[in-house]
Amino acid sequence: MKKAMLVAVDAGGSKTEYGIRALSGGEMCRYVYGGSNYKSAGIEQARKNLVEGFFDACAKAGIAPDDVHGAVFGIAGCDTPEDMRVYRELVGAIGLSDAQTMLYNDCTLAFLAAATAPGLCVVAGTGSNCMAFHPERPIVRAGGLGALLSDGGSGFWIARRVMREMLLFCDGIGPDRPVYANIASHFNMEDFAQVPFRFTAMNVPEIASAARVVLECAQKGEPYACETVHMAHELLWDLATTPYKRMAYLPDEPLQVVLNGSLFKNEWFFEQFSSGLAARITNPIEWQLITSRPSENAMRLADMLYGGGA
């Protein structure tokens, strides 16, 4: 007998998480695979984790692909029409119809799952992204175009800035800083001699993982860590206020501001960022801090779109 199942997908740079749950409700089962952002993982690795992951998750959940009633994909790195074409092709290889699948940029999905327009969404995790939403106008965005040239203020941006200076220190250029020893410990390095070889072999998610260390050092007052985190805040404030200004909300129009991503799970970082953004926005703000997993946000939206509930 055919089942009616919902699939929710967090397709990120660090991991791809499939959530599967009955349309009627119940517990969501989760299955985790490697990253599927083709810009950082490469197209073949993204295909493997996204497509093969789907069939493996279905098998582990004890369902057939034909049992899928609807699927929502939240995709980091799906930022341009070309990106959407690539991901439509990848998702198409799964075999689900366009009517059964909805693809969203991770920032858009976070906002739609937690709030209603008008409002803003700021994502700050491995990458960063900022978008402004209005019920009567197209989405306006800033940033979020990848770690290499964009994603200012993100976990990767924070960690890269410190680790780049740490590499220079290992070459005899620049001062030692307390945060360096903490990063070496984070990566289980016994001494700085290991740094050049380990750092240069790391991928984007591995580098971004050190942002947590920088935030902890900044909270303790380590000067260089504090400087780095303040610069990250400044970049994120600029990225958020740019689409806000371009959207030209009415002066008294209340905005729902959704914050999502691993950096905001640090209470100190969240408080510093939210107070600074509030000082730059004149509209009334209702804050929405997302603490649920991205796959849970995708499942909530799948419920709304495919008839499971609100």
Foldseek 3Di string as FASTA:
>chain_A
DAFEKEWFWEAAQAKIKIWIDGLQDDDTDIDIDGHQQCVFCNLVRNLCRPQVVVCVVCVVVVHDPRNYLAYEYAHQQCDDPVSVVSVCVSVVVNVDDPLRYDYHHNQVLLDVLFHDDQAKEWEAALFIWIWGDHPVDDIDIFFRNDDPPTRFLHLLNLLCVVLVVLVVVLVVPDDDFPLSVQLCVVVPHPDSVCSVVVVVPDGSVVSSVSSVSLVVVVVVPRPVSVVSNVRSLVVRLVRHVVNVVVVPDDQADEHEYEYHYDQVVPVVSVVVNVVVNPVVHRYHYDYHYDPDDSSVSRVSVCCVSRVSHD
